[in-house]
Amino acid sequence: MSRKFFGTDGVRGMANETPLDPQTIVRLGMAVGAVFANGGHSRVVIGKDTRLSGYMIEQALTAGFLSVGLDVFLLGPVPTPGVAMLTRSLRADLGVMISASHNPYHDNGIKFFDPNGEKLSDEQEKRIEVLLESDLSRYAAKYDKLGRAKRIEDAQARYIEFIKRSVPRHFRLDGLRIVIDCANGAAYKIAPTALWELGAEIYPIGVEPNGTNINAGCGSTNCTLLQQKVHEHRADIGIALDGDADRVLIVDEKGKLVDGDQILALIATHMQQRGQLSGDGVVATIMSNLGLERFLESRGLKLHRAQVGDRYVAQMMREKGCNVGGEQSGHIILTDYNSTGDGLIAALQLLLAVREQECSVSEACHLFDPVPQVMENVRIDGGHPLEDAKVQEAIAEAETELQGWGRLVIRPSGTEPVIRIMVEGDDEMRIRQIAQNLASLLRRKAA
């Protein structure tokens, strides 16, 4: 069955347009509630980031859940990993995060967590999609069985304490100068508070949300301002979160950007040295750099590659018995501490490694030289150019040429009408030619 509502990370789209119009959202709440109701008054927690449309979506979802008899606990602005944690802590049957992550404010989305704080499986999402196309009135609660809604006033404080418990009790950040960019998003209060309470000298940016400035010129998708502020404040490190704080990128004291691959390498090898690494390696995605794979191999570790999307990384981590996984974009999943990507916990584990190694961030976070990597995005307005015979032939020829010294990944985006082409290899000029040739061919076929 083709998926009409769910993408790679929940339901996402333009605010107040299908599927994020109020009518569809109410039905979505009813359908999801029907799947997760366990008899009696089941409970669901709802968090959100700082987008203007979050108010509307929160109310529409609440109406849908209440109408099928679920009790709703409203968390207010809280990071996505905070919702995962509070779903478990409050013994909820379902967790919901209203966010479009790193997208601009006019987009929004709805992410769902099961009682274990884990993203829903493909099978659960398909079941919900079937219900959305059916008559939902049969799931409506009787007038005396409707759900109740209440606000959890201390949700942010609970999550701050949870974050701080992810590092040893004696661990402190005293004497460390940190610029923290909260992307005007869900962690705008939580992140600076947690780092300050651990002793750091904090210089916060992206902490003045107004409903329309989330991810606007700030956060992990645009680190230019953070790099400038690291220089300006002579900081030891810059930390960039995205709109819902489930991903993190780092800027070292020299102003150089550190991506998720380097973060994974540092945390994994630090845990390996401490005897805390589970499984035979690390889980990343097909987009992670070949340099990471080679580095891990040199340390006797494997790199397992999952589909793009943190829920697929988490699923493979469970299958392989690994406790470290993530994406190049900065989704870092450390299952010893949380069930989903957690930008703040990843940042603290990185700082723990830096402190124990008694070195600078730039020294700790440059463990390998990335293999040259070229990205091309081809917008498509319809059709299936990847199924074209000439396109498939060109892809096969490129893969044959790259065998042994490079990789090709070509896939439709799960969030945009584009086809993403990634080519990496030791010969930068040649991989650039391969990427451009494939992009040109796809543009002709998509026209």
Protein backbone atom coordinates (compact mmCIF):
# COMPACT_ATOMS: atom_id res chain seq x y z
CA MET A 1 0.00 0.00 0.00
CA SER A 2 1.39 3.44 -0.90
CA ARG A 3 1.67 5.86 2.02
CA LYS A 4 -0.55 8.90 1.74
CA PHE A 5 0.03 10.57 5.11
CA PHE A 6 3.25 9.27 6.68
CA GLY A 7 6.72 10.10 5.38
CA THR A 8 10.13 9.20 6.73
CA ASP A 9 9.43 10.84 10.09
CA GLY A 10 5.73 11.04 10.86
CA VAL A 11 3.24 13.28 9.08
CA ARG A 12 4.67 16.46 7.62
CA GLY A 13 3.56 19.27 5.33
CA MET A 14 2.60 22.92 5.00
CA ALA A 15 0.71 24.20 8.03
CA ASN A 16 -3.06 24.49 7.56
CA GLU A 17 -2.94 22.53 4.31
CA THR A 18 -3.70 18.83 3.87
CA PRO A 19 -2.64 16.73 5.73
CA LEU A 20 -2.03 19.41 8.38
CA ASP A 21 -5.43 21.06 8.16
CA PRO A 22 -7.61 20.90 11.30
CA GLN A 23 -10.12 18.43 9.87
CA THR A 24 -7.46 15.90 8.91
CA ILE A 25 -5.59 16.39 12.18
CA VAL A 26 -8.70 15.64 14.23
CA ARG A 27 -9.20 12.44 12.23
CA LEU A 28 -5.52 11.60 12.67
CA GLY A 29 -5.90 11.95 16.44
CA MET A 30 -8.92 9.66 16.37
CA ALA A 31 -7.17 7.03 14.22
CA VAL A 32 -3.96 7.01 16.24
CA GLY A 33 -5.95 7.01 19.46
CA ALA A 34 -7.95 4.02 18.27
CA VAL A 35 -4.72 2.10 17.59
CA PHE A 36 -3.11 2.87 20.96
CA ALA A 37 -6.13 2.79 23.27
CA ASN A 38 -5.62 -0.05 25.73
CA GLY A 39 -8.99 -0.02 27.41
CA GLY A 40 -10.13 2.40 30.07
CA HIS A 41 -8.65 5.89 29.93
CA SER A 42 -5.41 5.58 28.00
CA ARG A 43 -3.07 8.56 28.09
CA VAL A 44 -1.10 10.48 25.50
CA VAL A 45 1.53 13.20 26.01
CA ILE A 46 1.85 16.03 23.47
CA GLY A 47 4.88 18.28 23.10
CA LYS A 48 5.64 20.89 20.47
CA ASP A 49 8.29 23.28 19.22
CA THR A 50 7.80 27.03 18.80
CA ARG A 51 6.07 27.27 15.41
CA LEU A 52 2.99 29.46 15.15
CA SER A 53 0.95 26.56 13.77
CA GLY A 54 1.74 24.45 16.82
CA TYR A 55 -1.20 25.96 18.72
CA MET A 56 -3.69 24.92 16.04
CA ILE A 57 -2.27 21.42 15.60
CA GLU A 58 -2.08 20.85 19.35
CA GLN A 59 -5.74 21.74 19.80
CA ALA A 60 -6.94 19.70 16.83
CA LEU A 61 -4.98 16.62 17.93
CA THR A 62 -6.26 17.04 21.47
CA ALA A 63 -9.84 17.11 20.20
CA GLY A 64 -9.28 13.91 18.22
CA PHE A 65 -7.71 12.07 21.15
CA LEU A 66 -10.34 13.22 23.64
CA SER A 67 -13.14 12.14 21.30
CA VAL A 68 -11.96 8.52 21.36
CA GLY A 69 -11.50 8.51 25.13
CA LEU A 70 -7.79 9.21 25.59
CA ASP A 71 -6.57 11.51 28.36
CA VAL A 72 -4.16 14.16 27.08
CA PHE A 73 -1.15 15.60 28.92
CA LEU A 74 0.10 18.83 27.32
CA LEU A 75 3.83 19.47 27.76
CA GLY A 76 4.19 22.78 25.93
CA PRO A 77 7.52 23.57 24.19
CA VAL A 78 9.88 20.65 24.82
CA PRO A 79 12.43 18.86 22.59
CA THR A 80 11.45 15.71 20.71
CA PRO A 81 13.70 13.52 22.91
CA GLY A 82 11.98 15.06 25.92
CA VAL A 83 8.65 13.78 24.61
CA ALA A 84 10.16 10.30 24.20
CA MET A 85 11.45 10.41 27.77
CA LEU A 86 8.23 11.76 29.25
CA THR A 87 6.18 9.16 27.37
CA ARG A 88 8.04 6.53 29.37
CA SER A 89 8.19 8.50 32.60
CA LEU A 90 4.46 9.28 32.66
CA ARG A 91 3.60 5.71 31.63
CA ALA A 92 1.74 7.02 28.61
CA ASP A 93 0.39 4.80 25.86
CA LEU A 94 1.48 7.26 23.19
CA GLY A 95 3.80 10.25 22.77
CA VAL A 96 3.32 13.01 20.19
CA MET A 97 5.72 15.74 19.08
CA ILE A 98 4.47 18.59 16.92
CA SER A 99 7.46 19.73 14.89
CA ALA A 100 8.96 19.82 11.41
CA SER A 101 12.44 19.56 12.91
CA HIS A 102 14.90 21.62 10.83
CA ASN A 103 12.31 22.91 8.30
CA PRO A 104 11.13 26.56 8.11
CA TYR A 105 8.27 27.74 10.30
CA HIS A 106 5.57 27.44 7.60
CA ASP A 107 6.08 23.66 7.62
CA ASN A 108 5.06 21.50 10.52
CA GLY A 109 4.75 17.85 11.35
CA ILE A 110 3.55 15.27 13.84
CA LYS A 111 5.85 12.56 15.18
CA PHE A 112 4.57 9.64 17.22
CA PHE A 113 6.21 7.48 19.90
CA ASP A 114 5.04 4.16 21.29
CA PRO A 115 4.97 3.48 25.07
CA ASN A 116 8.71 2.70 24.99
CA GLY A 117 9.50 6.11 23.53
CA GLU A 118 10.37 4.62 20.13
CA LYS A 119 9.20 5.79 16.70
CA LEU A 120 6.30 3.83 15.21
CA SER A 121 6.99 0.90 12.92
CA ASP A 122 5.96 0.85 9.25
CA GLU A 123 3.25 -1.65 10.16
CA GLN A 124 1.74 0.64 12.81
CA GLU A 125 1.78 3.58 10.41
CA LYS A 126 0.08 1.52 7.71
CA ARG A 127 -2.62 0.50 10.17
CA ILE A 128 -3.24 4.14 11.03
CA GLU A 129 -3.43 5.05 7.34
CA VAL A 130 -6.07 2.38 6.78
CA LEU A 131 -8.14 3.76 9.67
CA LEU A 132 -7.83 7.31 8.33
CA GLU A 133 -9.59 6.22 5.16
CA SER A 134 -12.38 4.47 7.09
CA ASP A 135 -15.43 5.48 9.10
CA LEU A 136 -13.95 6.63 12.42
CA SER A 137 -17.30 7.29 14.08
CA ARG A 138 -17.36 3.74 15.43
CA TYR A 139 -14.38 4.63 17.66
CA ALA A 140 -16.04 7.73 19.15
CA ALA A 141 -16.41 7.49 22.93
CA LYS A 142 -19.75 7.84 24.66
CA TYR A 143 -20.42 11.21 26.25
CA ASP A 144 -19.43 9.91 29.68
CA LYS A 145 -16.22 8.25 28.43
CA LEU A 146 -14.61 11.28 26.78
CA GLY A 147 -11.01 12.00 27.67
CA ARG A 148 -9.67 14.81 29.86
CA ALA A 149 -6.82 17.22 29.14
CA LYS A 150 -4.34 18.74 31.58
CA ARG A 151 -1.08 20.65 31.30
CA ILE A 152 2.15 19.31 32.82
CA GLU A 153 3.73 22.45 34.25
CA ASP A 154 7.16 21.01 35.09
CA ALA A 155 7.88 19.13 31.85
CA GLN A 156 10.96 21.23 31.05
CA ALA A 157 12.40 20.82 34.56
CA ARG A 158 11.91 17.06 34.39
CA TYR A 159 13.79 16.87 31.10
CA ILE A 160 16.64 19.06 32.37
CA GLU A 161 17.21 16.69 35.30
CA PHE A 162 17.05 13.74 32.91
CA ILE A 163 19.75 15.30 30.72
CA LYS A 164 22.03 15.98 33.66
CA ARG A 165 21.73 12.36 34.83
CA SER A 166 23.22 11.19 31.50
CA VAL A 167 26.73 12.17 32.69
CA PRO A 168 28.57 11.04 35.84
CA ARG A 169 27.56 12.84 39.02
CA HIS A 170 30.99 14.45 39.42
CA PHE A 171 31.08 15.75 35.83
CA ARG A 172 31.25 19.53 35.58
CA LEU A 173 31.68 22.09 32.84
CA ASP A 174 33.29 24.75 35.02
CA GLY A 175 35.67 27.00 33.11
CA LEU A 176 34.22 26.05 29.73
CA ARG A 177 32.91 28.79 27.46
CA ILE A 178 30.00 27.49 25.37
CA VAL A 179 27.96 29.19 22.66
CA ILE A 180 24.66 27.34 22.38
CA ASP A 181 22.40 27.90 19.36
CA CYS A 182 18.85 26.74 20.07
CA ALA A 183 17.46 27.60 16.60
CA ASN A 184 14.64 29.60 18.24
CA GLY A 185 13.14 26.19 18.77
CA ALA A 186 11.95 23.76 21.40
CA ALA A 187 15.12 23.83 23.55
CA TYR A 188 15.41 27.61 23.81
CA LYS A 189 15.01 27.51 27.60
CA ILE A 190 16.13 23.97 28.38
CA ALA A 191 19.55 23.85 26.70
CA PRO A 192 21.09 27.03 28.19
CA THR A 193 19.70 26.16 31.63
CA ALA A 194 21.07 22.59 31.63
CA LEU A 195 24.55 23.67 30.50
CA TRP A 196 24.66 26.56 32.97
CA GLU A 197 23.61 24.31 35.85
CA LEU A 198 26.53 22.02 34.97
CA GLY A 199 28.88 24.96 35.46
CA ALA A 200 29.60 26.29 31.98
CA GLU A 201 29.82 29.94 30.95
CA ILE A 202 26.95 30.22 28.48
CA TYR A 203 26.46 32.48 25.46
CA PRO A 204 23.01 31.63 24.08
CA ILE A 205 21.76 32.51 20.60
CA GLY A 206 18.54 31.50 18.85
CA VAL A 207 16.61 31.80 22.13
CA GLU A 208 13.99 34.39 21.17
CA PRO A 209 11.25 32.44 19.35
CA ASN A 210 8.35 34.43 17.94
CA GLY A 211 6.50 31.69 16.09
CA THR A 212 8.05 32.45 12.70
CA ASN A 213 11.84 32.51 13.26
CA ILE A 214 12.52 28.86 14.08
CA ASN A 215 15.61 27.66 12.13
CA ALA A 216 15.78 31.07 10.40
CA GLY A 217 19.47 31.82 9.88
CA CYS A 218 20.38 29.77 12.93
CA GLY A 219 20.50 26.25 14.30
CA SER A 220 22.16 23.14 12.92
CA THR A 221 21.09 23.90 9.33
CA ASN A 222 22.88 27.26 9.30
CA CYS A 223 25.90 27.48 11.58
CA THR A 224 27.40 30.69 10.21
CA LEU A 225 26.21 32.83 13.12
CA LEU A 226 27.37 30.21 15.62
CA GLN A 227 30.83 30.14 14.04
CA GLN A 228 31.00 33.93 14.28
CA LYS A 229 29.94 33.90 17.93
CA VAL A 230 32.51 31.23 18.83
CA HIS A 231 35.23 33.54 17.52
CA GLU A 232 33.66 36.62 19.10
CA HIS A 233 33.42 35.08 22.57
CA ARG A 234 36.64 33.05 22.22
CA ALA A 235 34.54 30.05 23.17
CA ASP A 236 35.79 26.51 23.65
CA ILE A 237 32.89 25.03 21.71
CA GLY A 238 29.71 25.93 19.83
CA ILE A 239 26.68 23.65 20.00
CA ALA A 240 23.98 23.88 17.33
CA LEU A 241 20.60 22.25 17.83
CA ASP A 242 17.77 22.10 15.31
CA GLY A 243 14.17 23.19 15.85
CA ASP A 244 13.17 20.20 17.96
CA ALA A 245 16.65 19.51 19.41
CA ASP A 246 16.88 15.89 18.31
CA ARG A 247 20.00 16.62 16.28
CA VAL A 248 23.24 18.45 17.04
CA LEU A 249 26.28 19.75 15.20
CA ILE A 250 29.42 21.14 16.80
CA VAL A 251 31.68 24.09 16.05
CA ASP A 252 35.19 23.71 17.51
CA GLU A 253 37.20 26.50 19.10
CA LYS A 254 38.70 27.36 15.70
CA GLY A 255 35.23 27.88 14.19
CA LYS A 256 35.30 24.67 12.15
CA LEU A 257 32.07 22.73 11.76
CA VAL A 258 31.99 19.15 13.08
CA ASP A 259 29.30 16.90 11.54
CA GLY A 260 27.49 13.87 12.85
CA ASP A 261 30.02 11.40 11.45
CA GLN A 262 32.86 12.88 13.51
CA ILE A 263 30.59 13.06 16.58
CA LEU A 264 29.73 9.37 16.14
CA ALA A 265 33.41 8.48 15.78
CA LEU A 266 34.37 10.29 18.99
CA ILE A 267 31.52 9.01 21.15
CA ALA A 268 31.86 5.42 19.87
CA THR A 269 35.61 5.19 20.43
CA HIS A 270 35.33 6.89 23.83
CA MET A 271 32.72 4.35 24.89
CA GLN A 272 34.86 1.56 23.42
CA GLN A 273 37.79 2.67 25.59
CA ARG A 274 35.54 2.68 28.67
CA GLY A 275 34.13 -0.77 27.85
CA GLN A 276 30.66 0.68 27.35
CA LEU A 277 30.16 0.05 23.62
CA SER A 278 27.62 -2.68 22.85
CA GLY A 279 27.53 -4.82 19.74
CA ASP A 280 30.28 -5.04 17.16
CA GLY A 281 30.21 -1.42 16.01
CA VAL A 282 28.06 1.56 15.14
CA VAL A 283 24.89 2.04 13.11
CA ALA A 284 24.77 4.93 10.65
CA THR A 285 23.00 5.46 7.33
CA ILE A 286 23.80 5.06 3.67
CA MET A 287 24.74 8.77 3.67
CA SER A 288 27.55 8.54 6.25
CA ASN A 289 31.02 9.17 4.89
CA LEU A 290 33.26 6.35 3.74
CA GLY A 291 35.98 7.89 5.91
CA LEU A 292 33.94 7.02 9.02
CA GLU A 293 33.65 3.41 7.89
CA ARG A 294 37.40 3.15 7.29
CA PHE A 295 38.19 4.77 10.66
CA LEU A 296 35.92 2.41 12.57
CA GLU A 297 37.44 -0.57 10.78
CA SER A 298 40.86 0.58 11.97
CA ARG A 299 39.51 0.35 15.53
CA GLY A 300 38.08 -3.12 14.99
CA LEU A 301 34.52 -1.85 14.67
CA LYS A 302 31.92 -2.31 11.95
CA LEU A 303 29.74 0.38 10.40
CA HIS A 304 26.23 -0.93 9.81
CA ARG A 305 24.29 1.18 7.32
CA ALA A 306 20.53 1.72 7.61
CA GLN A 307 18.07 3.60 5.44
CA VAL A 308 17.98 7.37 5.88
CA GLY A 309 15.83 8.27 8.88
CA ASP A 310 16.57 8.00 12.58
CA ARG A 311 13.83 5.45 13.17
CA TYR A 312 15.54 3.09 10.71
CA VAL A 313 18.82 3.66 12.53
CA ALA A 314 17.13 2.86 15.84
CA GLN A 315 15.55 -0.27 14.38
CA MET A 316 18.91 -1.56 13.11
CA MET A 317 20.53 -0.73 16.45
CA ARG A 318 18.04 -3.05 18.13
CA GLU A 319 18.67 -5.74 15.53
CA LYS A 320 22.48 -5.51 15.84
CA GLY A 321 22.59 -4.98 19.58
CA CYS A 322 24.37 -1.63 19.20
CA ASN A 323 24.00 1.28 21.63
CA VAL A 324 25.52 3.98 19.40
CA GLY A 325 24.04 5.11 16.11
CA GLY A 326 23.17 8.19 14.14
CA GLU A 327 23.22 10.23 10.99
CA GLN A 328 25.67 12.60 9.35
CA SER A 329 23.10 15.37 9.86
CA GLY A 330 23.54 15.14 13.63
CA HIS A 331 20.86 12.70 14.78
CA ILE A 332 22.83 10.80 17.41
CA ILE A 333 21.05 7.94 19.19
CA LEU A 334 22.60 6.68 22.42
CA THR A 335 20.21 4.05 23.74
CA ASP A 336 21.94 3.83 27.12
CA TYR A 337 20.37 7.24 27.78
CA ASN A 338 17.37 7.79 25.51
CA SER A 339 15.34 5.88 22.95
CA THR A 340 15.64 8.43 20.15
CA GLY A 341 18.03 11.05 18.81
CA ASP A 342 18.91 13.54 21.56
CA GLY A 343 21.03 16.57 20.65
CA LEU A 344 21.79 17.65 24.21
CA ILE A 345 22.71 14.21 25.49
CA ALA A 346 25.00 13.70 22.48
CA ALA A 347 26.65 17.08 23.14
CA LEU A 348 27.23 16.17 26.79
CA GLN A 349 28.74 12.80 25.88
CA LEU A 350 31.06 14.59 23.45
CA LEU A 351 32.06 17.07 26.17
CA LEU A 352 32.65 14.18 28.57
CA ALA A 353 35.06 12.63 26.06
CA VAL A 354 36.84 15.96 25.52
CA ARG A 355 37.24 16.54 29.27
CA GLU A 356 38.56 13.03 29.94
CA GLN A 357 41.04 13.27 27.06
CA GLU A 358 42.19 16.69 28.35
CA CYS A 359 42.38 18.12 24.87
CA SER A 360 40.68 20.77 22.75
CA VAL A 361 37.46 20.16 20.86
CA SER A 362 39.31 20.48 17.54
CA GLU A 363 41.77 17.74 18.57
CA ALA A 364 39.08 15.42 19.90
CA CYS A 365 36.67 15.86 16.99
CA HIS A 366 39.00 15.30 14.05
CA LEU A 367 39.48 11.56 14.10
CA PHE A 368 39.48 10.96 10.34
CA ASP A 369 39.69 12.86 7.07
CA PRO A 370 36.36 12.58 5.25
CA VAL A 371 36.41 11.12 1.77
CA PRO A 372 35.33 13.76 -0.79
CA GLN A 373 31.55 13.71 -1.09
CA VAL A 374 29.36 15.46 -3.67
CA MET A 375 25.61 16.05 -3.35
CA GLU A 376 23.13 16.91 -6.11
CA ASN A 377 19.38 17.44 -5.69
CA VAL A 378 17.08 17.09 -8.69
CA ARG A 379 13.56 18.46 -8.31
CA ILE A 380 10.79 16.37 -9.84
CA ASP A 381 7.19 17.41 -10.44
CA GLY A 382 5.87 13.97 -11.24
CA GLY A 383 6.75 10.68 -12.88
CA HIS A 384 9.35 8.14 -11.84
CA PRO A 385 12.64 8.99 -13.59
CA LEU A 386 14.57 6.47 -11.48
CA GLU A 387 12.61 3.70 -13.22
CA ASP A 388 13.77 4.84 -16.68
CA ALA A 389 15.95 2.23 -18.41
CA LYS A 390 18.68 4.71 -19.41
CA VAL A 391 18.81 6.10 -15.87
CA GLN A 392 19.15 2.61 -14.42
CA GLU A 393 21.88 1.81 -16.92
CA ALA A 394 23.79 4.99 -16.01
CA ILE A 395 23.48 4.19 -12.29
CA ALA A 396 24.79 0.66 -12.86
CA GLU A 397 27.77 1.97 -14.84
CA ALA A 398 28.61 4.49 -12.11
CA GLU A 399 28.40 1.85 -9.37
CA THR A 400 30.71 -0.43 -11.35
CA GLU A 401 33.26 2.35 -11.80
CA LEU A 402 33.17 3.31 -8.10
CA GLN A 403 33.59 -0.23 -6.83
CA GLY A 404 36.53 -0.45 -4.46
CA TRP A 405 37.18 3.30 -4.08
CA GLY A 406 33.83 5.04 -3.72
CA ARG A 407 30.06 4.84 -3.30
CA LEU A 408 26.90 6.07 -5.00
CA VAL A 409 23.60 6.66 -3.22
CA ILE A 410 20.63 7.86 -5.24
CA ARG A 411 17.19 8.04 -3.63
CA PRO A 412 13.94 10.00 -3.54
CA SER A 413 13.67 12.38 -0.60
CA GLY A 414 11.13 11.45 2.04
CA THR A 415 10.26 15.08 2.78
CA GLU A 416 10.62 16.98 -0.53
CA PRO A 417 9.80 16.34 -4.23
CA VAL A 418 13.47 15.82 -5.09
CA ILE A 419 15.82 12.98 -5.92
CA ARG A 420 19.04 13.11 -3.93
CA ILE A 421 22.32 12.02 -5.49
CA MET A 422 25.38 11.42 -3.31
CA VAL A 423 28.69 10.31 -4.78
CA GLU A 424 31.84 9.89 -2.71
CA GLY A 425 35.30 8.57 -3.45
CA ASP A 426 39.00 9.29 -3.34
CA ASP A 427 39.04 11.06 -6.74
CA GLU A 428 37.10 14.28 -6.12
CA MET A 429 37.13 15.46 -9.72
CA ARG A 430 35.76 12.19 -11.02
CA ILE A 431 32.98 11.86 -8.40
CA ARG A 432 31.90 15.41 -9.20
CA GLN A 433 31.62 14.47 -12.88
CA ILE A 434 29.63 11.34 -12.04
CA ALA A 435 27.21 13.30 -9.85
CA GLN A 436 26.71 16.05 -12.43
CA ASN A 437 26.18 13.56 -15.25
CA LEU A 438 23.55 11.65 -13.30
CA ALA A 439 21.83 14.87 -12.25
CA SER A 440 21.70 16.12 -15.86
CA LEU A 441 20.22 12.84 -17.04
CA LEU A 442 17.60 12.86 -14.30
CA ARG A 443 16.61 16.46 -15.06
CA ARG A 444 16.06 15.56 -18.69
CA LYS A 445 13.93 12.54 -17.74
CA ALA A 446 11.96 14.52 -15.16
CA ALA A 447 11.19 17.39 -17.54
